[in-house]
Amino acid sequence: MQQKIVQLQSKTAKRTNLPSEVIKYAVATEKSIRMMEYENKLQFVVALKARKSEIKTALQTMFNIKIKSVNTYISRAGEKRAIITLPKEIQAIDIGTQIGIM
């Protein structure tokens, strides 16, 4: 009985990861740059086990910005990518320049 309780607690325990463990690097392809310019979105390669909430908090602490939404997918190469939508007040090009993509 105690073993089941310990297992449940470990599954529901909040994971604390450093932003550098969650976010690997920003993607700088033609498509991602178009997304920055026209859709106000950024694209990052993230850790495979990273959750959307962890990605959101990591980026908010790294760049001190608000994030509207996070969408994730796994690419054909097996990398997990996150597409970050920013509010209209914050320009994705400015953050891309700060990162070094643009």
PDB file of N, CA and C in Angstrom:
ATOM      1  N   MET A   1       0.818  -1.186   0.000  1.00  0.00           N
ATOM      2  CA  MET A   1       0.000   0.000   0.000  1.00  0.00           C
ATOM      3  C   MET A   1       0.865   1.254   0.000  1.00  0.00           C
ATOM      4  N   GLN A   2       1.917   1.253   0.834  1.00  0.00           N
ATOM      5  CA  GLN A   2       2.789   2.415   0.883  1.00  0.00           C
ATOM      6  C   GLN A   2       3.528   2.606  -0.433  1.00  0.00           C
ATOM      7  N   GLN A   3       3.856   1.530  -1.091  1.00  0.00           N
ATOM      8  CA  GLN A   3       4.571   1.615  -2.360  1.00  0.00           C
ATOM      9  C   GLN A   3       3.711   2.325  -3.406  1.00  0.00           C
ATOM     10  N   LYS A   4       2.405   2.056  -3.434  1.00  0.00           N
ATOM     11  CA  LYS A   4       1.507   2.719  -4.375  1.00  0.00           C
ATOM     12  C   LYS A   4       1.414   4.207  -4.077  1.00  0.00           C
ATOM     13  N   ILE A   5       1.382   4.570  -2.808  1.00  0.00           N
ATOM     14  CA  ILE A   5       1.309   5.980  -2.437  1.00  0.00           C
ATOM     15  C   ILE A   5       2.572   6.706  -2.862  1.00  0.00           C
ATOM     16  N   VAL A   6       3.721   6.098  -2.675  1.00  0.00           N
ATOM     17  CA  VAL A   6       4.989   6.701  -3.062  1.00  0.00           C
ATOM     18  C   VAL A   6       5.033   6.882  -4.580  1.00  0.00           C
ATOM     19  N   GLN A   7       4.556   5.897  -5.337  1.00  0.00           N
ATOM     20  CA  GLN A   7       4.544   6.002  -6.781  1.00  0.00           C
ATOM     21  C   GLN A   7       3.628   7.128  -7.239  1.00  0.00           C
ATOM     22  N   LEU A   8       2.467   7.275  -6.631  1.00  0.00           N
ATOM     23  CA  LEU A   8       1.557   8.350  -6.996  1.00  0.00           C
ATOM     24  C   LEU A   8       2.153   9.708  -6.680  1.00  0.00           C
ATOM     25  N   GLN A   9       2.818   9.836  -5.551  1.00  0.00           N
ATOM     26  CA  GLN A   9       3.429  11.101  -5.191  1.00  0.00           C
ATOM     27  C   GLN A   9       4.554  11.459  -6.147  1.00  0.00           C
ATOM     28  N   SER A  10       5.318  10.493  -6.582  1.00  0.00           N
ATOM     29  CA  SER A  10       6.428  10.781  -7.487  1.00  0.00           C
ATOM     30  C   SER A  10       5.929  11.193  -8.866  1.00  0.00           C
ATOM     31  N   LYS A  11       4.786  10.669  -9.297  1.00  0.00           N
ATOM     32  CA  LYS A  11       4.240  11.051 -10.597  1.00  0.00           C
ATOM     33  C   LYS A  11       3.648  12.448 -10.574  1.00  0.00           C
ATOM     34  N   THR A  12       3.056  12.822  -9.461  1.00  0.00           N
ATOM     35  CA  THR A  12       2.417  14.127  -9.376  1.00  0.00           C
ATOM     36  C   THR A  12       3.343  15.207  -8.855  1.00  0.00           C
ATOM     37  N   ALA A  13       4.542  14.854  -8.438  1.00  0.00           N
ATOM     38  CA  ALA A  13       5.481  15.842  -7.909  1.00  0.00           C
ATOM     39  C   ALA A  13       5.886  16.810  -9.015  1.00  0.00           C
ATOM     40  N   LYS A  14       6.004  18.068  -8.645  1.00  0.00           N
ATOM     41  CA  LYS A  14       6.372  19.092  -9.613  1.00  0.00           C
ATOM     42  C   LYS A  14       7.860  18.979  -9.938  1.00  0.00           C
ATOM     43  N   ARG A  15       8.160  18.959 -11.227  1.00  0.00           N
ATOM     44  CA  ARG A  15       9.541  18.864 -11.661  1.00  0.00           C
ATOM     45  C   ARG A  15      10.121  20.268 -11.751  1.00  0.00           C
ATOM     46  N   THR A  16      11.333  20.424 -11.272  1.00  0.00           N
ATOM     47  CA  THR A  16      11.997  21.720 -11.370  1.00  0.00           C
ATOM     48  C   THR A  16      13.216  21.561 -12.251  1.00  0.00           C
ATOM     49  N   ASN A  17      13.153  22.140 -13.412  1.00  0.00           N
ATOM     50  CA  ASN A  17      14.260  22.088 -14.354  1.00  0.00           C
ATOM     51  C   ASN A  17      14.769  23.503 -14.592  1.00  0.00           C
ATOM     52  N   LEU A  18      16.051  23.608 -14.832  1.00  0.00           N
ATOM     53  CA  LEU A  18      16.631  24.890 -15.190  1.00  0.00           C
ATOM     54  C   LEU A  18      16.220  25.224 -16.617  1.00  0.00           C
ATOM     55  N   PRO A  19      16.081  26.520 -16.939  1.00  0.00           N
ATOM     56  CA  PRO A  19      15.727  26.892 -18.316  1.00  0.00           C
ATOM     57  C   PRO A  19      16.702  26.341 -19.351  1.00  0.00           C
ATOM     58  N   SER A  20      17.977  26.237 -18.984  1.00  0.00           N
ATOM     59  CA  SER A  20      18.966  25.717 -19.936  1.00  0.00           C
ATOM     60  C   SER A  20      18.795  24.223 -20.185  1.00  0.00           C
ATOM     61  N   GLU A  21      18.144  23.510 -19.267  1.00  0.00           N
ATOM     62  CA  GLU A  21      17.861  22.090 -19.478  1.00  0.00           C
ATOM     63  C   GLU A  21      16.641  21.890 -20.354  1.00  0.00           C
ATOM     64  N   VAL A  22      15.712  22.830 -20.317  1.00  0.00           N
ATOM     65  CA  VAL A  22      14.472  22.706 -21.077  1.00  0.00           C
ATOM     66  C   VAL A  22      14.661  23.197 -22.506  1.00  0.00           C
ATOM     67  N   ILE A  23      15.232  24.380 -22.681  1.00  0.00           N
ATOM     68  CA  ILE A  23      15.421  24.990 -23.999  1.00  0.00           C
ATOM     69  C   ILE A  23      16.829  24.670 -24.483  1.00  0.00           C
ATOM     70  N   LYS A  24      16.925  24.036 -25.656  1.00  0.00           N
ATOM     71  CA  LYS A  24      18.241  23.701 -26.201  1.00  0.00           C
ATOM     72  C   LYS A  24      18.771  24.845 -27.058  1.00  0.00           C
ATOM     73  N   TYR A  25      18.046  25.200 -28.131  1.00  0.00           N
ATOM     74  CA  TYR A  25      18.474  26.294 -29.000  1.00  0.00           C
ATOM     75  C   TYR A  25      17.311  26.765 -29.854  1.00  0.00           C
ATOM     76  N   ALA A  26      17.470  27.954 -30.434  1.00  0.00           N
ATOM     77  CA  ALA A  26      16.451  28.518 -31.315  1.00  0.00           C
ATOM     78  C   ALA A  26      16.676  28.008 -32.737  1.00  0.00           C
ATOM     79  N   VAL A  27      15.586  27.842 -33.455  1.00  0.00           N
ATOM     80  CA  VAL A  27      15.645  27.357 -34.830  1.00  0.00           C
ATOM     81  C   VAL A  27      15.724  28.560 -35.767  1.00  0.00           C
ATOM     82  N   ALA A  28      16.663  28.535 -36.707  1.00  0.00           N
ATOM     83  CA  ALA A  28      16.849  29.641 -37.650  1.00  0.00           C
ATOM     84  C   ALA A  28      16.770  29.110 -39.076  1.00  0.00           C
ATOM     85  N   THR A  29      15.569  28.774 -39.513  1.00  0.00           N
ATOM     86  CA  THR A  29      15.348  28.345 -40.893  1.00  0.00           C
ATOM     87  C   THR A  29      14.543  29.419 -41.611  1.00  0.00           C
ATOM     88  N   GLU A  30      14.360  29.264 -42.907  1.00  0.00           N
ATOM     89  CA  GLU A  30      13.564  30.231 -43.662  1.00  0.00           C
ATOM     90  C   GLU A  30      12.135  30.288 -43.141  1.00  0.00           C
ATOM     91  N   LYS A  31      11.594  29.129 -42.849  1.00  0.00           N
ATOM     92  CA  LYS A  31      10.214  29.071 -42.359  1.00  0.00           C
ATOM     93  C   LYS A  31      10.087  29.738 -40.993  1.00  0.00           C
ATOM     94  N   SER A  32      11.039  29.488 -40.086  1.00  0.00           N
ATOM     95  CA  SER A  32      10.948  30.085 -38.757  1.00  0.00           C
ATOM     96  C   SER A  32      11.128  31.605 -38.817  1.00  0.00           C
ATOM     97  N   ILE A  33      11.958  32.085 -39.715  1.00  0.00           N
ATOM     98  CA  ILE A  33      12.131  33.537 -39.869  1.00  0.00           C
ATOM     99  C   ILE A  33      10.864  34.161 -40.446  1.00  0.00           C
ATOM    100  N   ARG A  34      10.211  33.487 -41.392  1.00  0.00           N
ATOM    101  CA  ARG A  34       8.927  33.963 -41.911  1.00  0.00           C
ATOM    102  C   ARG A  34       7.881  34.019 -40.803  1.00  0.00           C
ATOM    103  N   MET A  35       7.895  33.004 -39.928  1.00  0.00           N
ATOM    104  CA  MET A  35       6.960  32.981 -38.813  1.00  0.00           C
ATOM    105  C   MET A  35       7.219  34.152 -37.864  1.00  0.00           C
ATOM    106  N   MET A  36       8.485  34.509 -37.679  1.00  0.00           N
ATOM    107  CA  MET A  36       8.811  35.663 -36.835  1.00  0.00           C
ATOM    108  C   MET A  36       8.266  36.948 -37.438  1.00  0.00           C
ATOM    109  N   GLU A  37       8.450  37.107 -38.734  1.00  0.00           N
ATOM    110  CA  GLU A  37       8.060  38.350 -39.393  1.00  0.00           C
ATOM    111  C   GLU A  37       6.549  38.514 -39.517  1.00  0.00           C
ATOM    112  N   TYR A  38       5.847  37.473 -39.932  1.00  0.00           N
ATOM    113  CA  TYR A  38       4.432  37.610 -40.271  1.00  0.00           C
ATOM    114  C   TYR A  38       3.467  37.129 -39.191  1.00  0.00           C
ATOM    115  N   GLU A  39       3.875  36.164 -38.370  1.00  0.00           N
ATOM    116  CA  GLU A  39       2.958  35.581 -37.392  1.00  0.00           C
ATOM    117  C   GLU A  39       3.343  35.881 -35.948  1.00  0.00           C
ATOM    118  N   ASN A  40       4.467  36.562 -35.734  1.00  0.00           N
ATOM    119  CA  ASN A  40       4.945  36.911 -34.394  1.00  0.00           C
ATOM    120  C   ASN A  40       5.175  35.652 -33.545  1.00  0.00           C
ATOM    121  N   LYS A  41       5.855  34.657 -34.133  1.00  0.00           N
ATOM    122  CA  LYS A  41       6.125  33.386 -33.460  1.00  0.00           C
ATOM    123  C   LYS A  41       7.617  33.087 -33.490  1.00  0.00           C
ATOM    124  N   LEU A  42       8.077  32.380 -32.469  1.00  0.00           N
ATOM    125  CA  LEU A  42       9.457  31.901 -32.387  1.00  0.00           C
ATOM    126  C   LEU A  42       9.444  30.385 -32.309  1.00  0.00           C
ATOM    127  N   GLN A  43      10.524  29.763 -32.766  1.00  0.00           N
ATOM    128  CA  GLN A  43      10.604  28.312 -32.743  1.00  0.00           C
ATOM    129  C   GLN A  43      11.890  27.886 -32.048  1.00  0.00           C
ATOM    130  N   PHE A  44      11.764  26.924 -31.127  1.00  0.00           N
ATOM    131  CA  PHE A  44      12.895  26.426 -30.354  1.00  0.00           C
ATOM    132  C   PHE A  44      12.915  24.909 -30.374  1.00  0.00           C
ATOM    133  N   VAL A  45      14.111  24.327 -30.263  1.00  0.00           N
ATOM    134  CA  VAL A  45      14.263  22.894 -30.016  1.00  0.00           C
ATOM    135  C   VAL A  45      14.352  22.753 -28.505  1.00  0.00           C
ATOM    136  N   VAL A  46      13.534  21.859 -27.958  1.00  0.00           N
ATOM    137  CA  VAL A  46      13.453  21.691 -26.508  1.00  0.00           C
ATOM    138  C   VAL A  46      13.737  20.240 -26.137  1.00  0.00           C
ATOM    139  N   ALA A  47      13.859  19.985 -24.852  1.00  0.00           N
ATOM    140  CA  ALA A  47      14.081  18.622 -24.362  1.00  0.00           C
ATOM    141  C   ALA A  47      12.854  17.767 -24.652  1.00  0.00           C
ATOM    142  N   LEU A  48      13.061  16.497 -24.954  1.00  0.00           N
ATOM    143  CA  LEU A  48      11.958  15.607 -25.321  1.00  0.00           C
ATOM    144  C   LEU A  48      10.917  15.456 -24.215  1.00  0.00           C
ATOM    145  N   LYS A  49      11.330  15.489 -22.979  1.00  0.00           N
ATOM    146  CA  LYS A  49      10.399  15.294 -21.869  1.00  0.00           C
ATOM    147  C   LYS A  49       9.838  16.605 -21.324  1.00  0.00           C
ATOM    148  N   ALA A  50      10.146  17.719 -21.964  1.00  0.00           N
ATOM    149  CA  ALA A  50       9.672  19.017 -21.482  1.00  0.00           C
ATOM    150  C   ALA A  50       8.178  19.173 -21.748  1.00  0.00           C
ATOM    151  N   ARG A  51       7.472  19.669 -20.751  1.00  0.00           N
ATOM    152  CA  ARG A  51       6.046  19.939 -20.889  1.00  0.00           C
ATOM    153  C   ARG A  51       5.847  21.369 -21.359  1.00  0.00           C
ATOM    154  N   LYS A  52       4.654  21.649 -21.875  1.00  0.00           N
ATOM    155  CA  LYS A  52       4.366  22.994 -22.357  1.00  0.00           C
ATOM    156  C   LYS A  52       4.504  24.026 -21.247  1.00  0.00           C
ATOM    157  N   SER A  53       4.041  23.696 -20.061  1.00  0.00           N
ATOM    158  CA  SER A  53       4.138  24.638 -18.944  1.00  0.00           C
ATOM    159  C   SER A  53       5.589  24.903 -18.566  1.00  0.00           C
ATOM    160  N   GLU A  54       6.433  23.877 -18.628  1.00  0.00           N
ATOM    161  CA  GLU A  54       7.857  24.055 -18.334  1.00  0.00           C
ATOM    162  C   GLU A  54       8.532  24.912 -19.393  1.00  0.00           C
ATOM    163  N   ILE A  55       8.163  24.711 -20.650  1.00  0.00           N
ATOM    164  CA  ILE A  55       8.727  25.511 -21.739  1.00  0.00           C
ATOM    165  C   ILE A  55       8.340  26.966 -21.565  1.00  0.00           C
ATOM    166  N   LYS A  56       7.096  27.201 -21.226  1.00  0.00           N
ATOM    167  CA  LYS A  56       6.595  28.562 -21.047  1.00  0.00           C
ATOM    168  C   LYS A  56       7.318  29.280 -19.915  1.00  0.00           C
ATOM    169  N   THR A  57       7.452  28.628 -18.766  1.00  0.00           N
ATOM    170  CA  THR A  57       8.126  29.278 -17.640  1.00  0.00           C
ATOM    171  C   THR A  57       9.620  29.472 -17.914  1.00  0.00           C
ATOM    172  N   ALA A  58      10.242  28.541 -18.616  1.00  0.00           N
ATOM    173  CA  ALA A  58      11.668  28.681 -18.941  1.00  0.00           C
ATOM    174  C   ALA A  58      11.905  29.886 -19.838  1.00  0.00           C
ATOM    175  N   LEU A  59      11.077  30.055 -20.861  1.00  0.00           N
ATOM    176  CA  LEU A  59      11.246  31.189 -21.768  1.00  0.00           C
ATOM    177  C   LEU A  59      10.897  32.507 -21.091  1.00  0.00           C
ATOM    178  N   GLN A  60       9.896  32.489 -20.218  1.00  0.00           N
ATOM    179  CA  GLN A  60       9.535  33.719 -19.510  1.00  0.00           C
ATOM    180  C   GLN A  60      10.664  34.163 -18.588  1.00  0.00           C
ATOM    181  N   THR A  61      11.357  33.225 -17.963  1.00  0.00           N
ATOM    182  CA  THR A  61      12.469  33.603 -17.091  1.00  0.00           C
ATOM    183  C   THR A  61      13.714  33.978 -17.888  1.00  0.00           C
ATOM    184  N   MET A  62      13.941  33.321 -19.030  1.00  0.00           N
ATOM    185  CA  MET A  62      15.130  33.619 -19.836  1.00  0.00           C
ATOM    186  C   MET A  62      15.060  35.008 -20.466  1.00  0.00           C
ATOM    187  N   PHE A  63      13.901  35.361 -21.016  1.00  0.00           N
ATOM    188  CA  PHE A  63      13.787  36.601 -21.779  1.00  0.00           C
ATOM    189  C   PHE A  63      12.937  37.666 -21.097  1.00  0.00           C
ATOM    190  N   ASN A  64      12.354  37.351 -19.940  1.00  0.00           N
ATOM    191  CA  ASN A  64      11.525  38.287 -19.190  1.00  0.00           C
ATOM    192  C   ASN A  64      10.390  38.840 -20.058  1.00  0.00           C
ATOM    193  N   ILE A  65       9.656  37.928 -20.694  1.00  0.00           N
ATOM    194  CA  ILE A  65       8.536  38.291 -21.568  1.00  0.00           C
ATOM    195  C   ILE A  65       7.306  37.476 -21.207  1.00  0.00           C
ATOM    196  N   LYS A  66       6.159  37.917 -21.700  1.00  0.00           N
ATOM    197  CA  LYS A  66       4.935  37.138 -21.557  1.00  0.00           C
ATOM    198  C   LYS A  66       4.744  36.326 -22.831  1.00  0.00           C
ATOM    199  N   ILE A  67       4.186  35.127 -22.687  1.00  0.00           N
ATOM    200  CA  ILE A  67       3.961  34.236 -23.821  1.00  0.00           C
ATOM    201  C   ILE A  67       2.476  33.961 -23.926  1.00  0.00           C
ATOM    202  N   LYS A  68       1.966  34.074 -25.141  1.00  0.00           N
ATOM    203  CA  LYS A  68       0.538  33.849 -25.370  1.00  0.00           C
ATOM    204  C   LYS A  68       0.206  32.363 -25.393  1.00  0.00           C
ATOM    205  N   SER A  69       0.957  31.585 -26.178  1.00  0.00           N
ATOM    206  CA  SER A  69       0.693  30.144 -26.247  1.00  0.00           C
ATOM    207  C   SER A  69       1.949  29.382 -26.658  1.00  0.00           C
ATOM    208  N   VAL A  70       1.914  28.073 -26.380  1.00  0.00           N
ATOM    209  CA  VAL A  70       3.015  27.168 -26.725  1.00  0.00           C
ATOM    210  C   VAL A  70       2.423  25.959 -27.439  1.00  0.00           C
ATOM    211  N   ASN A  71       2.927  25.663 -28.622  1.00  0.00           N
ATOM    212  CA  ASN A  71       2.555  24.455 -29.364  1.00  0.00           C
ATOM    213  C   ASN A  71       3.820  23.632 -29.569  1.00  0.00           C
ATOM    214  N   THR A  72       3.700  22.317 -29.418  1.00  0.00           N
ATOM    215  CA  THR A  72       4.864  21.457 -29.575  1.00  0.00           C
ATOM    216  C   THR A  72       4.596  20.364 -30.591  1.00  0.00           C
ATOM    217  N   TYR A  73       5.662  19.884 -31.192  1.00  0.00           N
ATOM    218  CA  TYR A  73       5.598  18.721 -32.079  1.00  0.00           C
ATOM    219  C   TYR A  73       6.972  18.080 -32.131  1.00  0.00           C
ATOM    220  N   ILE A  74       7.011  16.846 -32.569  1.00  0.00           N
ATOM    221  CA  ILE A  74       8.277  16.130 -32.724  1.00  0.00           C
ATOM    222  C   ILE A  74       8.582  16.043 -34.215  1.00  0.00           C
ATOM    223  N   SER A  75       9.749  16.548 -34.597  1.00  0.00           N
ATOM    224  CA  SER A  75      10.122  16.599 -36.006  1.00  0.00           C
ATOM    225  C   SER A  75      10.507  15.209 -36.510  1.00  0.00           C
ATOM    226  N   ARG A  76      10.727  15.112 -37.792  1.00  0.00           N
ATOM    227  CA  ARG A  76      11.125  13.833 -38.393  1.00  0.00           C
ATOM    228  C   ARG A  76      12.493  13.384 -37.897  1.00  0.00           C
ATOM    229  N   ALA A  77      13.310  14.347 -37.510  1.00  0.00           N
ATOM    230  CA  ALA A  77      14.640  14.020 -37.004  1.00  0.00           C
ATOM    231  C   ALA A  77      14.603  13.533 -35.556  1.00  0.00           C
ATOM    232  N   GLY A  78      13.425  13.562 -34.934  1.00  0.00           N
ATOM    233  CA  GLY A  78      13.288  13.090 -33.567  1.00  0.00           C
ATOM    234  C   GLY A  78      13.476  14.160 -32.511  1.00  0.00           C
ATOM    235  N   GLU A  79      13.538  15.420 -32.938  1.00  0.00           N
ATOM    236  CA  GLU A  79      13.685  16.531 -32.001  1.00  0.00           C
ATOM    237  C   GLU A  79      12.305  17.075 -31.637  1.00  0.00           C
ATOM    238  N   LYS A  80      12.147  17.467 -30.396  1.00  0.00           N
ATOM    239  CA  LYS A  80      10.905  18.102 -29.989  1.00  0.00           C
ATOM    240  C   LYS A  80      11.069  19.598 -30.207  1.00  0.00           C
ATOM    241  N   ARG A  81      10.123  20.196 -30.915  1.00  0.00           N
ATOM    242  CA  ARG A  81      10.175  21.624 -31.204  1.00  0.00           C
ATOM    243  C   ARG A  81       8.972  22.319 -30.597  1.00  0.00           C
ATOM    244  N   ALA A  82       9.192  23.538 -30.166  1.00  0.00           N
ATOM    245  CA  ALA A  82       8.130  24.344 -29.579  1.00  0.00           C
ATOM    246  C   ALA A  82       7.967  25.617 -30.397  1.00  0.00           C
ATOM    247  N   ILE A  83       6.732  25.906 -30.777  1.00  0.00           N
ATOM    248  CA  ILE A  83       6.416  27.146 -31.470  1.00  0.00           C
ATOM    249  C   ILE A  83       5.744  28.058 -30.453  1.00  0.00           C
ATOM    250  N   ILE A  84       6.360  29.199 -30.210  1.00  0.00           N
ATOM    251  CA  ILE A  84       5.917  30.134 -29.191  1.00  0.00           C
ATOM    252  C   ILE A  84       5.213  31.303 -29.861  1.00  0.00           C
ATOM    253  N   THR A  85       3.972  31.561 -29.470  1.00  0.00           N
ATOM    254  CA  THR A  85       3.239  32.711 -29.972  1.00  0.00           C
ATOM    255  C   THR A  85       3.348  33.823 -28.943  1.00  0.00           C
ATOM    256  N   LEU A  86       3.739  35.002 -29.406  1.00  0.00           N
ATOM    257  CA  LEU A  86       3.905  36.150 -28.525  1.00  0.00           C
ATOM    258  C   LEU A  86       2.727  37.110 -28.677  1.00  0.00           C
ATOM    259  N   PRO A  87       2.409  37.888 -27.635  1.00  0.00           N
ATOM    260  CA  PRO A  87       1.349  38.892 -27.773  1.00  0.00           C
ATOM    261  C   PRO A  87       1.786  40.006 -28.725  1.00  0.00           C
ATOM    262  N   LYS A  88       0.823  40.786 -29.192  1.00  0.00           N
ATOM    263  CA  LYS A  88       1.121  41.822 -30.190  1.00  0.00           C
ATOM    264  C   LYS A  88       2.040  42.910 -29.666  1.00  0.00           C
ATOM    265  N   GLU A  89       2.080  43.113 -28.349  1.00  0.00           N
ATOM    266  CA  GLU A  89       2.932  44.163 -27.784  1.00  0.00           C
ATOM    267  C   GLU A  89       4.411  43.829 -27.908  1.00  0.00           C
ATOM    268  N   ILE A  90       4.728  42.547 -27.990  1.00  0.00           N
ATOM    269  CA  ILE A  90       6.120  42.091 -28.049  1.00  0.00           C
ATOM    270  C   ILE A  90       6.401  41.594 -29.461  1.00  0.00           C
ATOM    271  N   GLN A  91       7.454  42.109 -30.079  1.00  0.00           N
ATOM    272  CA  GLN A  91       7.812  41.718 -31.428  1.00  0.00           C
ATOM    273  C   GLN A  91       8.795  40.554 -31.397  1.00  0.00           C
ATOM    274  N   ALA A  92       8.474  39.498 -32.141  1.00  0.00           N
ATOM    275  CA  ALA A  92       9.339  38.317 -32.198  1.00  0.00           C
ATOM    276  C   ALA A  92      10.675  38.640 -32.859  1.00  0.00           C
ATOM    277  N   ILE A  93      10.687  39.598 -33.766  1.00  0.00           N
ATOM    278  CA  ILE A  93      11.934  39.983 -34.438  1.00  0.00           C
ATOM    279  C   ILE A  93      12.921  40.573 -33.440  1.00  0.00           C
ATOM    280  N   ASP A  94      12.412  41.354 -32.484  1.00  0.00           N
ATOM    281  CA  ASP A  94      13.275  41.930 -31.456  1.00  0.00           C
ATOM    282  C   ASP A  94      13.946  40.857 -30.610  1.00  0.00           C
ATOM    283  N   ILE A  95      13.176  39.838 -30.245  1.00  0.00           N
ATOM    284  CA  ILE A  95      13.741  38.740 -29.451  1.00  0.00           C
ATOM    285  C   ILE A  95      14.673  37.896 -30.308  1.00  0.00           C
ATOM    286  N   GLY A  96      14.326  37.696 -31.581  1.00  0.00           N
ATOM    287  CA  GLY A  96      15.224  36.994 -32.496  1.00  0.00           C
ATOM    288  C   GLY A  96      16.553  37.698 -32.655  1.00  0.00           C
ATOM    289  N   THR A  97      16.524  39.020 -32.688  1.00  0.00           N
ATOM    290  CA  THR A  97      17.752  39.797 -32.758  1.00  0.00           C
ATOM    291  C   THR A  97      18.552  39.654 -31.465  1.00  0.00           C
ATOM    292  N   GLN A  98      17.850  39.648 -30.336  1.00  0.00           N
ATOM    293  CA  GLN A  98      18.499  39.488 -29.038  1.00  0.00           C
ATOM    294  C   GLN A  98      19.173  38.118 -28.926  1.00  0.00           C
ATOM    295  N   ILE A  99      18.533  37.084 -29.474  1.00  0.00           N
ATOM    296  CA  ILE A  99      19.098  35.733 -29.450  1.00  0.00           C
ATOM    297  C   ILE A  99      20.276  35.610 -30.408  1.00  0.00           C
ATOM    298  N   GLY A 100      20.181  36.282 -31.550  1.00  0.00           N
ATOM    299  CA  GLY A 100      21.223  36.197 -32.560  1.00  0.00           C
ATOM    300  C   GLY A 100      20.785  35.483 -33.822  1.00  0.00           C
ATOM    301  N   ILE A 101      19.481  35.296 -33.983  1.00  0.00           N
ATOM    302  CA  ILE A 101      18.963  34.633 -35.185  1.00  0.00           C
ATOM    303  C   ILE A 101      18.954  35.602 -36.365  1.00  0.00           C
ATOM    304  N   MET A 102      18.490  36.793 -36.130  1.00  0.00           N
ATOM    305  CA  MET A 102      18.350  37.795 -37.201  1.00  0.00           C
ATOM    306  C   MET A 102      19.605  38.630 -37.324  1.00  0.00           C
TER     307      MET A 102
END
